Amino acid sequence: MLIIDELDSSLHPLLVRRLVRMFHQPELNPNGAQLFFTTHYSSLLDRTLFRRDQIWFTEKDNDQATRLYPLSDFSPRENEAWERGYLTGRYGAVPFFNDPPLLAQAAG
């Protein structure tokens, strides 16, 4: 088992994708080693890299307690774009803002 915090922080995005794929290839990973990692890189929410049950989100509640839950809890459709769903807040785990964006303030 390999555990990495912020896998994408010092690696090129294509290298990250390649590394993930290597763990899924039996000829390169004959003993079935597992890769656990955290990331803020939303483009990894890709069905060509993962199954729905392999993606987990974390979200803080109002008491600052962290909740962990899988993408599979949302039963995304077969052709659903996971990254888009995540960025639009469908799966939660996105920041909440109490103030308007800085760009909107500057334009107004």
PDB file of N, CA and C in Angstrom:
ATOM      1  N   MET A   1       0.836  -1.158   0.000  1.00  0.00           N
ATOM      2  CA  MET A   1       0.000   0.000   0.000  1.00  0.00           C
ATOM      3  C   MET A   1       0.895   1.240   0.000  1.00  0.00           C
ATOM      4  N   LEU A   2       0.533   2.190  -0.864  1.00  0.00           N
ATOM      5  CA  LEU A   2       1.252   3.455  -0.938  1.00  0.00           C
ATOM      6  C   LEU A   2       0.250   4.564  -0.622  1.00  0.00           C
ATOM      7  N   ILE A   3       0.565   5.392   0.378  1.00  0.00           N
ATOM      8  CA  ILE A   3      -0.303   6.486   0.782  1.00  0.00           C
ATOM      9  C   ILE A   3       0.434   7.797   0.543  1.00  0.00           C
ATOM     10  N   ILE A   4      -0.204   8.700  -0.209  1.00  0.00           N
ATOM     11  CA  ILE A   4       0.429   9.969  -0.562  1.00  0.00           C
ATOM     12  C   ILE A   4      -0.555  11.104  -0.321  1.00  0.00           C
ATOM     13  N   ASP A   5      -0.127  12.122   0.401  1.00  0.00           N
ATOM     14  CA  ASP A   5      -0.936  13.315   0.603  1.00  0.00           C
ATOM     15  C   ASP A   5      -0.633  14.296  -0.524  1.00  0.00           C
ATOM     16  N   GLU A   6      -1.665  14.777  -1.189  1.00  0.00           N
ATOM     17  CA  GLU A   6      -1.531  15.726  -2.298  1.00  0.00           C
ATOM     18  C   GLU A   6      -0.608  15.186  -3.404  1.00  0.00           C
ATOM     19  N   LEU A   7      -0.997  14.084  -3.972  1.00  0.00           N
ATOM     20  CA  LEU A   7      -0.220  13.422  -5.024  1.00  0.00           C
ATOM     21  C   LEU A   7       0.172  14.376  -6.144  1.00  0.00           C
ATOM     22  N   ASP A   8      -0.716  15.284  -6.485  1.00  0.00           N
ATOM     23  CA  ASP A   8      -0.491  16.169  -7.620  1.00  0.00           C
ATOM     24  C   ASP A   8       0.347  17.404  -7.307  1.00  0.00           C
ATOM     25  N   SER A   9       0.758  17.603  -6.061  1.00  0.00           N
ATOM     26  CA  SER A   9       1.413  18.862  -5.679  1.00  0.00           C
ATOM     27  C   SER A   9       2.762  19.090  -6.361  1.00  0.00           C
ATOM     28  N   SER A  10       3.467  18.049  -6.726  1.00  0.00           N
ATOM     29  CA  SER A  10       4.785  18.230  -7.348  1.00  0.00           C
ATOM     30  C   SER A  10       4.957  17.420  -8.624  1.00  0.00           C
ATOM     31  N   LEU A  11       3.852  16.924  -9.155  1.00  0.00           N
ATOM     32  CA  LEU A  11       3.935  16.089 -10.351  1.00  0.00           C
ATOM     33  C   LEU A  11       3.103  16.689 -11.485  1.00  0.00           C
ATOM     34  N   HIS A  12       3.565  16.509 -12.689  1.00  0.00           N
ATOM     35  CA  HIS A  12       2.825  16.939 -13.869  1.00  0.00           C
ATOM     36  C   HIS A  12       1.512  16.148 -13.928  1.00  0.00           C
ATOM     37  N   PRO A  13       0.416  16.770 -14.358  1.00  0.00           N
ATOM     38  CA  PRO A  13      -0.875  16.066 -14.417  1.00  0.00           C
ATOM     39  C   PRO A  13      -0.842  14.764 -15.227  1.00  0.00           C
ATOM     40  N   LEU A  14      -0.101  14.730 -16.316  1.00  0.00           N
ATOM     41  CA  LEU A  14      -0.020  13.496 -17.099  1.00  0.00           C
ATOM     42  C   LEU A  14       0.735  12.395 -16.361  1.00  0.00           C
ATOM     43  N   LEU A  15       1.722  12.773 -15.571  1.00  0.00           N
ATOM     44  CA  LEU A  15       2.456  11.799 -14.769  1.00  0.00           C
ATOM     45  C   LEU A  15       1.566  11.221 -13.672  1.00  0.00           C
ATOM     46  N   VAL A  16       0.736  12.054 -13.073  1.00  0.00           N
ATOM     47  CA  VAL A  16      -0.202  11.575 -12.049  1.00  0.00           C
ATOM     48  C   VAL A  16      -1.156  10.546 -12.655  1.00  0.00           C
ATOM     49  N   ARG A  17      -1.720  10.860 -13.807  1.00  0.00           N
ATOM     50  CA  ARG A  17      -2.638   9.933 -14.466  1.00  0.00           C
ATOM     51  C   ARG A  17      -1.938   8.613 -14.815  1.00  0.00           C
ATOM     52  N   ARG A  18      -0.720   8.705 -15.279  1.00  0.00           N
ATOM     53  CA  ARG A  18       0.052   7.500 -15.636  1.00  0.00           C
ATOM     54  C   ARG A  18       0.304   6.637 -14.398  1.00  0.00           C
ATOM     55  N   LEU A  19       0.679   7.262 -13.305  1.00  0.00           N
ATOM     56  CA  LEU A  19       0.930   6.538 -12.059  1.00  0.00           C
ATOM     57  C   LEU A  19      -0.333   5.808 -11.590  1.00  0.00           C
ATOM     58  N   VAL A  20      -1.459   6.484 -11.628  1.00  0.00           N
ATOM     59  CA  VAL A  20      -2.722   5.852 -11.232  1.00  0.00           C
ATOM     60  C   VAL A  20      -3.020   4.652 -12.123  1.00  0.00           C
ATOM     61  N   ARG A  21      -2.855   4.810 -13.420  1.00  0.00           N
ATOM     62  CA  ARG A  21      -3.108   3.700 -14.351  1.00  0.00           C
ATOM     63  C   ARG A  21      -2.179   2.519 -14.090  1.00  0.00           C
ATOM     64  N   MET A  22      -0.947   2.791 -13.710  1.00  0.00           N
ATOM     65  CA  MET A  22       0.009   1.714 -13.434  1.00  0.00           C
ATOM     66  C   MET A  22      -0.484   0.820 -12.294  1.00  0.00           C
ATOM     67  N   PHE A  23      -1.113   1.406 -11.289  1.00  0.00           N
ATOM     68  CA  PHE A  23      -1.635   0.612 -10.173  1.00  0.00           C
ATOM     69  C   PHE A  23      -2.795  -0.274 -10.602  1.00  0.00           C
ATOM     70  N   HIS A  24      -3.477   0.072 -11.689  1.00  0.00           N
ATOM     71  CA  HIS A  24      -4.597  -0.721 -12.176  1.00  0.00           C
ATOM     72  C   HIS A  24      -4.191  -1.805 -13.167  1.00  0.00           C
ATOM     73  N   GLN A  25      -2.928  -1.837 -13.567  1.00  0.00           N
ATOM     74  CA  GLN A  25      -2.478  -2.810 -14.551  1.00  0.00           C
ATOM     75  C   GLN A  25      -1.862  -4.031 -13.863  1.00  0.00           C
ATOM     76  N   PRO A  26      -2.510  -5.193 -13.976  1.00  0.00           N
ATOM     77  CA  PRO A  26      -2.009  -6.402 -13.308  1.00  0.00           C
ATOM     78  C   PRO A  26      -0.581  -6.778 -13.692  1.00  0.00           C
ATOM     79  N   GLU A  27      -0.193  -6.500 -14.941  1.00  0.00           N
ATOM     80  CA  GLU A  27       1.171  -6.861 -15.344  1.00  0.00           C
ATOM     81  C   GLU A  27       2.219  -5.970 -14.668  1.00  0.00           C
ATOM     82  N   LEU A  28       1.855  -4.754 -14.290  1.00  0.00           N
ATOM     83  CA  LEU A  28       2.773  -3.860 -13.577  1.00  0.00           C
ATOM     84  C   LEU A  28       2.585  -3.931 -12.063  1.00  0.00           C
ATOM     85  N   ASN A  29       1.450  -4.444 -11.623  1.00  0.00           N
ATOM     86  CA  ASN A  29       1.123  -4.523 -10.207  1.00  0.00           C
ATOM     87  C   ASN A  29       0.579  -5.917  -9.897  1.00  0.00           C
ATOM     88  N   PRO A  30       1.409  -6.940 -10.063  1.00  0.00           N
ATOM     89  CA  PRO A  30       0.930  -8.325  -9.941  1.00  0.00           C
ATOM     90  C   PRO A  30       0.448  -8.700  -8.544  1.00  0.00           C
ATOM     91  N   ASN A  31       0.898  -8.010  -7.513  1.00  0.00           N
ATOM     92  CA  ASN A  31       0.482  -8.338  -6.149  1.00  0.00           C
ATOM     93  C   ASN A  31      -0.696  -7.490  -5.668  1.00  0.00           C
ATOM     94  N   GLY A  32      -1.217  -6.638  -6.539  1.00  0.00           N
ATOM     95  CA  GLY A  32      -2.404  -5.856  -6.194  1.00  0.00           C
ATOM     96  C   GLY A  32      -2.167  -4.767  -5.164  1.00  0.00           C
ATOM     97  N   ALA A  33      -1.002  -4.135  -5.194  1.00  0.00           N
ATOM     98  CA  ALA A  33      -0.736  -3.030  -4.269  1.00  0.00           C
ATOM     99  C   ALA A  33      -1.780  -1.939  -4.480  1.00  0.00           C
ATOM    100  N   GLN A  34      -2.119  -1.239  -3.410  1.00  0.00           N
ATOM    101  CA  GLN A  34      -3.121  -0.186  -3.480  1.00  0.00           C
ATOM    102  C   GLN A  34      -2.481   1.179  -3.341  1.00  0.00           C
ATOM    103  N   LEU A  35      -3.054   2.144  -4.044  1.00  0.00           N
ATOM    104  CA  LEU A  35      -2.621   3.527  -3.974  1.00  0.00           C
ATOM    105  C   LEU A  35      -3.741   4.339  -3.334  1.00  0.00           C
ATOM    106  N   PHE A  36      -3.443   4.965  -2.211  1.00  0.00           N
ATOM    107  CA  PHE A  36      -4.375   5.873  -1.544  1.00  0.00           C
ATOM    108  C   PHE A  36      -3.754   7.251  -1.616  1.00  0.00           C
ATOM    109  N   PHE A  37      -4.525   8.228  -2.095  1.00  0.00           N
ATOM    110  CA  PHE A  37      -3.962   9.571  -2.154  1.00  0.00           C
ATOM    111  C   PHE A  37      -5.045  10.627  -2.009  1.00  0.00           C
ATOM    112  N   THR A  38      -4.607  11.807  -1.593  1.00  0.00           N
ATOM    113  CA  THR A  38      -5.480  12.972  -1.557  1.00  0.00           C
ATOM    114  C   THR A  38      -5.076  13.886  -2.694  1.00  0.00           C
ATOM    115  N   THR A  39      -6.034  14.695  -3.132  1.00  0.00           N
ATOM    116  CA  THR A  39      -5.762  15.627  -4.216  1.00  0.00           C
ATOM    117  C   THR A  39      -6.829  16.710  -4.242  1.00  0.00           C
ATOM    118  N   HIS A  40      -6.496  17.830  -4.811  1.00  0.00           N
ATOM    119  CA  HIS A  40      -7.469  18.866  -5.129  1.00  0.00           C
ATOM    120  C   HIS A  40      -7.596  18.982  -6.656  1.00  0.00           C
ATOM    121  N   TYR A  41      -7.008  18.050  -7.370  1.00  0.00           N
ATOM    122  CA  TYR A  41      -6.956  18.053  -8.822  1.00  0.00           C
ATOM    123  C   TYR A  41      -8.229  17.396  -9.363  1.00  0.00           C
ATOM    124  N   SER A  42      -9.237  18.207  -9.671  1.00  0.00           N
ATOM    125  CA  SER A  42     -10.555  17.677 -10.019  1.00  0.00           C
ATOM    126  C   SER A  42     -10.586  16.920 -11.342  1.00  0.00           C
ATOM    127  N   SER A  43      -9.632  17.132 -12.210  1.00  0.00           N
ATOM    128  CA  SER A  43      -9.672  16.410 -13.493  1.00  0.00           C
ATOM    129  C   SER A  43      -9.401  14.912 -13.322  1.00  0.00           C
ATOM    130  N   LEU A  44      -8.987  14.490 -12.143  1.00  0.00           N
ATOM    131  CA  LEU A  44      -8.828  13.056 -11.887  1.00  0.00           C
ATOM    132  C   LEU A  44     -10.174  12.366 -11.650  1.00  0.00           C
ATOM    133  N   LEU A  45     -11.242  13.141 -11.548  1.00  0.00           N
ATOM    134  CA  LEU A  45     -12.581  12.561 -11.409  1.00  0.00           C
ATOM    135  C   LEU A  45     -13.023  12.073 -12.788  1.00  0.00           C
ATOM    136  N   ASP A  46     -12.458  10.964 -13.168  1.00  0.00           N
ATOM    137  CA  ASP A  46     -12.573  10.460 -14.537  1.00  0.00           C
ATOM    138  C   ASP A  46     -12.842   8.961 -14.502  1.00  0.00           C
ATOM    139  N   ARG A  47     -13.909   8.559 -15.165  1.00  0.00           N
ATOM    140  CA  ARG A  47     -14.293   7.140 -15.160  1.00  0.00           C
ATOM    141  C   ARG A  47     -13.291   6.246 -15.886  1.00  0.00           C
ATOM    142  N   THR A  48     -12.380   6.824 -16.687  1.00  0.00           N
ATOM    143  CA  THR A  48     -11.345   5.999 -17.321  1.00  0.00           C
ATOM    144  C   THR A  48     -10.232   5.663 -16.331  1.00  0.00           C
ATOM    145  N   LEU A  49     -10.210   6.355 -15.199  1.00  0.00           N
ATOM    146  CA  LEU A  49      -9.193   6.099 -14.174  1.00  0.00           C
ATOM    147  C   LEU A  49      -9.747   5.340 -12.973  1.00  0.00           C
ATOM    148  N   PHE A  50     -11.008   5.577 -12.638  1.00  0.00           N
ATOM    149  CA  PHE A  50     -11.569   5.043 -11.395  1.00  0.00           C
ATOM    150  C   PHE A  50     -12.979   4.516 -11.579  1.00  0.00           C
ATOM    151  N   ARG A  51     -13.362   3.653 -10.636  1.00  0.00           N
ATOM    152  CA  ARG A  51     -14.761   3.270 -10.485  1.00  0.00           C
ATOM    153  C   ARG A  51     -15.388   4.248  -9.487  1.00  0.00           C
ATOM    154  N   ARG A  52     -16.709   4.319  -9.474  1.00  0.00           N
ATOM    155  CA  ARG A  52     -17.403   5.231  -8.545  1.00  0.00           C
ATOM    156  C   ARG A  52     -17.064   4.953  -7.088  1.00  0.00           C
ATOM    157  N   ASP A  53     -16.867   3.686  -6.739  1.00  0.00           N
ATOM    158  CA  ASP A  53     -16.591   3.346  -5.336  1.00  0.00           C
ATOM    159  C   ASP A  53     -15.141   3.609  -4.937  1.00  0.00           C
ATOM    160  N   GLN A  54     -14.295   4.011  -5.880  1.00  0.00           N
ATOM    161  CA  GLN A  54     -12.897   4.302  -5.564  1.00  0.00           C
ATOM    162  C   GLN A  54     -12.666   5.778  -5.251  1.00  0.00           C
ATOM    163  N   ILE A  55     -13.674   6.600  -5.438  1.00  0.00           N
ATOM    164  CA  ILE A  55     -13.539   8.036  -5.205  1.00  0.00           C
ATOM    165  C   ILE A  55     -14.299   8.398  -3.936  1.00  0.00           C
ATOM    166  N   TRP A  56     -13.599   9.041  -3.023  1.00  0.00           N
ATOM    167  CA  TRP A  56     -14.190   9.465  -1.751  1.00  0.00           C
ATOM    168  C   TRP A  56     -13.960  10.955  -1.572  1.00  0.00           C
ATOM    169  N   PHE A  57     -14.933  11.611  -0.975  1.00  0.00           N
ATOM    170  CA  PHE A  57     -14.863  13.043  -0.703  1.00  0.00           C
ATOM    171  C   PHE A  57     -14.814  13.289   0.797  1.00  0.00           C
ATOM    172  N   THR A  58     -14.257  14.421   1.179  1.00  0.00           N
ATOM    173  CA  THR A  58     -14.334  14.868   2.573  1.00  0.00           C
ATOM    174  C   THR A  58     -14.997  16.235   2.589  1.00  0.00           C
ATOM    175  N   GLU A  59     -15.746  16.462   3.659  1.00  0.00           N
ATOM    176  CA  GLU A  59     -16.445  17.738   3.793  1.00  0.00           C
ATOM    177  C   GLU A  59     -16.541  18.085   5.268  1.00  0.00           C
ATOM    178  N   LYS A  60     -16.270  19.338   5.591  1.00  0.00           N
ATOM    179  CA  LYS A  60     -16.391  19.793   6.979  1.00  0.00           C
ATOM    180  C   LYS A  60     -17.798  20.308   7.231  1.00  0.00           C
ATOM    181  N   ASP A  61     -18.319  19.999   8.418  1.00  0.00           N
ATOM    182  CA  ASP A  61     -19.632  20.520   8.775  1.00  0.00           C
ATOM    183  C   ASP A  61     -19.465  21.821   9.570  1.00  0.00           C
ATOM    184  N   ASN A  62     -20.552  22.345  10.072  1.00  0.00           N
ATOM    185  CA  ASN A  62     -20.507  23.622  10.797  1.00  0.00           C
ATOM    186  C   ASN A  62     -19.668  23.569  12.070  1.00  0.00           C
ATOM    187  N   ASP A  63     -19.503  22.372  12.631  1.00  0.00           N
ATOM    188  CA  ASP A  63     -18.678  22.194  13.827  1.00  0.00           C
ATOM    189  C   ASP A  63     -17.229  21.878  13.490  1.00  0.00           C
ATOM    190  N   GLN A  64     -16.874  21.954  12.212  1.00  0.00           N
ATOM    191  CA  GLN A  64     -15.533  21.667  11.702  1.00  0.00           C
ATOM    192  C   GLN A  64     -15.155  20.193  11.789  1.00  0.00           C
ATOM    193  N   ALA A  65     -16.142  19.322  11.973  1.00  0.00           N
ATOM    194  CA  ALA A  65     -15.898  17.882  11.928  1.00  0.00           C
ATOM    195  C   ALA A  65     -15.897  17.458  10.458  1.00  0.00           C
ATOM    196  N   THR A  66     -15.005  16.538  10.106  1.00  0.00           N
ATOM    197  CA  THR A  66     -14.886  16.095   8.717  1.00  0.00           C
ATOM    198  C   THR A  66     -15.689  14.832   8.487  1.00  0.00           C
ATOM    199  N   ARG A  67     -16.457  14.832   7.421  1.00  0.00           N
ATOM    200  CA  ARG A  67     -17.254  13.676   7.015  1.00  0.00           C
ATOM    201  C   ARG A  67     -16.636  13.102   5.747  1.00  0.00           C
ATOM    202  N   LEU A  68     -16.525  11.782   5.680  1.00  0.00           N
ATOM    203  CA  LEU A  68     -15.950  11.071   4.540  1.00  0.00           C
ATOM    204  C   LEU A  68     -17.051  10.242   3.886  1.00  0.00           C
ATOM    205  N   TYR A  69     -17.207  10.354   2.555  1.00  0.00           N
ATOM    206  CA  TYR A  69     -18.260   9.608   1.869  1.00  0.00           C
ATOM    207  C   TYR A  69     -17.851   9.352   0.419  1.00  0.00           C
ATOM    208  N   PRO A  70     -18.343   8.239  -0.165  1.00  0.00           N
ATOM    209  CA  PRO A  70     -17.950   7.868  -1.524  1.00  0.00           C
ATOM    210  C   PRO A  70     -18.833   8.509  -2.600  1.00  0.00           C
ATOM    211  N   LEU A  71     -18.285   8.661  -3.778  1.00  0.00           N
ATOM    212  CA  LEU A  71     -19.046   9.122  -4.936  1.00  0.00           C
ATOM    213  C   LEU A  71     -20.233   8.201  -5.195  1.00  0.00           C
ATOM    214  N   SER A  72     -20.079   6.921  -4.929  1.00  0.00           N
ATOM    215  CA  SER A  72     -21.146   5.957  -5.209  1.00  0.00           C
ATOM    216  C   SER A  72     -22.418   6.247  -4.412  1.00  0.00           C
ATOM    217  N   ASP A  73     -22.339   7.008  -3.318  1.00  0.00           N
ATOM    218  CA  ASP A  73     -23.534   7.402  -2.567  1.00  0.00           C
ATOM    219  C   ASP A  73     -24.493   8.231  -3.418  1.00  0.00           C
ATOM    220  N   PHE A  74     -23.988   8.863  -4.472  1.00  0.00           N
ATOM    221  CA  PHE A  74     -24.796   9.741  -5.311  1.00  0.00           C
ATOM    222  C   PHE A  74     -25.351   9.038  -6.548  1.00  0.00           C
ATOM    223  N   SER A  75     -24.981   7.786  -6.753  1.00  0.00           N
ATOM    224  CA  SER A  75     -25.436   7.008  -7.910  1.00  0.00           C
ATOM    225  C   SER A  75     -25.367   7.797  -9.208  1.00  0.00           C
ATOM    226  N   PRO A  76     -24.166   8.294  -9.556  1.00  0.00           N
ATOM    227  CA  PRO A  76     -24.068   9.054 -10.812  1.00  0.00           C
ATOM    228  C   PRO A  76     -24.428   8.179 -12.018  1.00  0.00           C
ATOM    229  N   ARG A  77     -25.075   8.807 -12.984  1.00  0.00           N
ATOM    230  CA  ARG A  77     -25.441   8.096 -14.206  1.00  0.00           C
ATOM    231  C   ARG A  77     -24.185   7.622 -14.937  1.00  0.00           C
ATOM    232  N   GLU A  78     -24.362   6.649 -15.803  1.00  0.00           N
ATOM    233  CA  GLU A  78     -23.238   6.052 -16.529  1.00  0.00           C
ATOM    234  C   GLU A  78     -22.448   7.080 -17.339  1.00  0.00           C
ATOM    235  N   ASN A  79     -23.127   8.044 -17.931  1.00  0.00           N
ATOM    236  CA  ASN A  79     -22.441   9.021 -18.773  1.00  0.00           C
ATOM    237  C   ASN A  79     -22.231  10.374 -18.086  1.00  0.00           C
ATOM    238  N   GLU A  80     -22.473  10.434 -16.793  1.00  0.00           N
ATOM    239  CA  GLU A  80     -22.342  11.696 -16.067  1.00  0.00           C
ATOM    240  C   GLU A  80     -20.881  12.135 -15.978  1.00  0.00           C
ATOM    241  N   ALA A  81     -20.646  13.419 -16.161  1.00  0.00           N
ATOM    242  CA  ALA A  81     -19.299  13.982 -16.040  1.00  0.00           C
ATOM    243  C   ALA A  81     -19.027  14.241 -14.560  1.00  0.00           C
ATOM    244  N   TRP A  82     -18.231  13.406 -13.937  1.00  0.00           N
ATOM    245  CA  TRP A  82     -17.981  13.499 -12.500  1.00  0.00           C
ATOM    246  C   TRP A  82     -17.335  14.819 -12.108  1.00  0.00           C
ATOM    247  N   GLU A  83     -16.366  15.267 -12.893  1.00  0.00           N
ATOM    248  CA  GLU A  83     -15.686  16.518 -12.552  1.00  0.00           C
ATOM    249  C   GLU A  83     -16.678  17.681 -12.569  1.00  0.00           C
ATOM    250  N   ARG A  84     -17.495  17.751 -13.573  1.00  0.00           N
ATOM    251  CA  ARG A  84     -18.487  18.826 -13.642  1.00  0.00           C
ATOM    252  C   ARG A  84     -19.454  18.754 -12.464  1.00  0.00           C
ATOM    253  N   GLY A  85     -19.925  17.550 -12.150  1.00  0.00           N
ATOM    254  CA  GLY A  85     -20.815  17.369 -10.995  1.00  0.00           C
ATOM    255  C   GLY A  85     -20.178  17.845  -9.703  1.00  0.00           C
ATOM    256  N   TYR A  86     -18.917  17.522  -9.534  1.00  0.00           N
ATOM    257  CA  TYR A  86     -18.192  17.957  -8.328  1.00  0.00           C
ATOM    258  C   TYR A  86     -18.072  19.484  -8.287  1.00  0.00           C
ATOM    259  N   LEU A  87     -17.628  20.088  -9.386  1.00  0.00           N
ATOM    260  CA  LEU A  87     -17.397  21.533  -9.398  1.00  0.00           C
ATOM    261  C   LEU A  87     -18.689  22.338  -9.267  1.00  0.00           C
ATOM    262  N   THR A  88     -19.810  21.759  -9.637  1.00  0.00           N
ATOM    263  CA  THR A  88     -21.089  22.456  -9.475  1.00  0.00           C
ATOM    264  C   THR A  88     -21.734  22.161  -8.122  1.00  0.00           C
ATOM    265  N   GLY A  89     -21.077  21.351  -7.286  1.00  0.00           N
ATOM    266  CA  GLY A  89     -21.565  21.095  -5.940  1.00  0.00           C
ATOM    267  C   GLY A  89     -22.515  19.924  -5.797  1.00  0.00           C
ATOM    268  N   ARG A  90     -22.719  19.143  -6.856  1.00  0.00           N
ATOM    269  CA  ARG A  90     -23.645  18.005  -6.786  1.00  0.00           C
ATOM    270  C   ARG A  90     -23.247  16.999  -5.716  1.00  0.00           C
ATOM    271  N   TYR A  91     -21.972  16.808  -5.491  1.00  0.00           N
ATOM    272  CA  TYR A  91     -21.484  15.808  -4.536  1.00  0.00           C
ATOM    273  C   TYR A  91     -21.027  16.430  -3.215  1.00  0.00           C
ATOM    274  N   GLY A  92     -21.211  17.719  -3.057  1.00  0.00           N
ATOM    275  CA  GLY A  92     -20.728  18.385  -1.849  1.00  0.00           C
ATOM    276  C   GLY A  92     -19.216  18.531  -1.914  1.00  0.00           C
ATOM    277  N   ALA A  93     -18.599  18.653  -0.773  1.00  0.00           N
ATOM    278  CA  ALA A  93     -17.133  18.729  -0.655  1.00  0.00           C
ATOM    279  C   ALA A  93     -16.526  19.922  -1.376  1.00  0.00           C
ATOM    280  N   VAL A  94     -17.302  20.995  -1.513  1.00  0.00           N
ATOM    281  CA  VAL A  94     -16.788  22.232  -2.100  1.00  0.00           C
ATOM    282  C   VAL A  94     -16.854  23.327  -1.041  1.00  0.00           C
ATOM    283  N   PRO A  95     -15.998  24.328  -1.148  1.00  0.00           N
ATOM    284  CA  PRO A  95     -15.998  25.387  -0.128  1.00  0.00           C
ATOM    285  C   PRO A  95     -17.261  26.237  -0.194  1.00  0.00           C
ATOM    286  N   PHE A  96     -17.655  26.755   0.966  1.00  0.00           N
ATOM    287  CA  PHE A  96     -18.783  27.678   1.063  1.00  0.00           C
ATOM    288  C   PHE A  96     -18.229  29.066   1.287  1.00  0.00           C
ATOM    289  N   PHE A  97     -18.783  30.041   0.587  1.00  0.00           N
ATOM    290  CA  PHE A  97     -18.337  31.423   0.715  1.00  0.00           C
ATOM    291  C   PHE A  97     -19.489  32.271   1.253  1.00  0.00           C
ATOM    292  N   ASN A  98     -19.203  33.052   2.289  1.00  0.00           N
ATOM    293  CA  ASN A  98     -20.218  33.933   2.855  1.00  0.00           C
ATOM    294  C   ASN A  98     -20.186  35.319   2.239  1.00  0.00           C
ATOM    295  N   ASP A  99     -19.132  35.633   1.508  1.00  0.00           N
ATOM    296  CA  ASP A  99     -19.009  36.951   0.909  1.00  0.00           C
ATOM    297  C   ASP A  99     -18.965  36.816  -0.613  1.00  0.00           C
ATOM    298  N   PRO A 100     -19.277  37.891  -1.332  1.00  0.00           N
ATOM    299  CA  PRO A 100     -19.230  37.804  -2.797  1.00  0.00           C
ATOM    300  C   PRO A 100     -17.782  37.663  -3.285  1.00  0.00           C
ATOM    301  N   PRO A 101     -17.587  37.044  -4.450  1.00  0.00           N
ATOM    302  CA  PRO A 101     -16.230  36.894  -4.985  1.00  0.00           C
ATOM    303  C   PRO A 101     -15.555  38.244  -5.175  1.00  0.00           C
ATOM    304  N   LEU A 102     -14.248  38.272  -5.028  1.00  0.00           N
ATOM    305  CA  LEU A 102     -13.486  39.505  -5.172  1.00  0.00           C
ATOM    306  C   LEU A 102     -13.653  40.133  -6.546  1.00  0.00           C
ATOM    307  N   LEU A 103     -13.754  39.311  -7.584  1.00  0.00           N
ATOM    308  CA  LEU A 103     -13.931  39.846  -8.929  1.00  0.00           C
ATOM    309  C   LEU A 103     -15.245  40.597  -9.063  1.00  0.00           C
ATOM    310  N   ALA A 104     -16.296  40.085  -8.436  1.00  0.00           N
ATOM    311  CA  ALA A 104     -17.595  40.753  -8.498  1.00  0.00           C
ATOM    312  C   ALA A 104     -17.546  42.088  -7.768  1.00  0.00           C
ATOM    313  N   GLN A 105     -16.805  42.145  -6.654  1.00  0.00           N
ATOM    314  CA  GLN A 105     -16.666  43.397  -5.897  1.00  0.00           C
ATOM    315  C   GLN A 105     -15.915  44.429  -6.723  1.00  0.00           C
ATOM    316  N   ALA A 106     -14.864  44.004  -7.419  1.00  0.00           N
ATOM    317  CA  ALA A 106     -14.055  44.929  -8.204  1.00  0.00           C
ATOM    318  C   ALA A 106     -14.839  45.474  -9.396  1.00  0.00           C
ATOM    319  N   ALA A 107     -15.707  44.638  -9.981  1.00  0.00           N
ATOM    320  CA  ALA A 107     -16.466  45.064 -11.145  1.00  0.00           C
ATOM    321  C   ALA A 107     -17.613  46.003 -10.758  1.00  0.00           C
ATOM    322  N   GLY A 108     -18.109  45.877  -9.505  1.00  0.00           N
ATOM    323  CA  GLY A 108     -19.281  46.648  -9.080  1.00  0.00           C
ATOM    324  C   GLY A 108     -18.897  47.967  -8.614  1.00  0.00           C
TER     325      GLY A 108
END
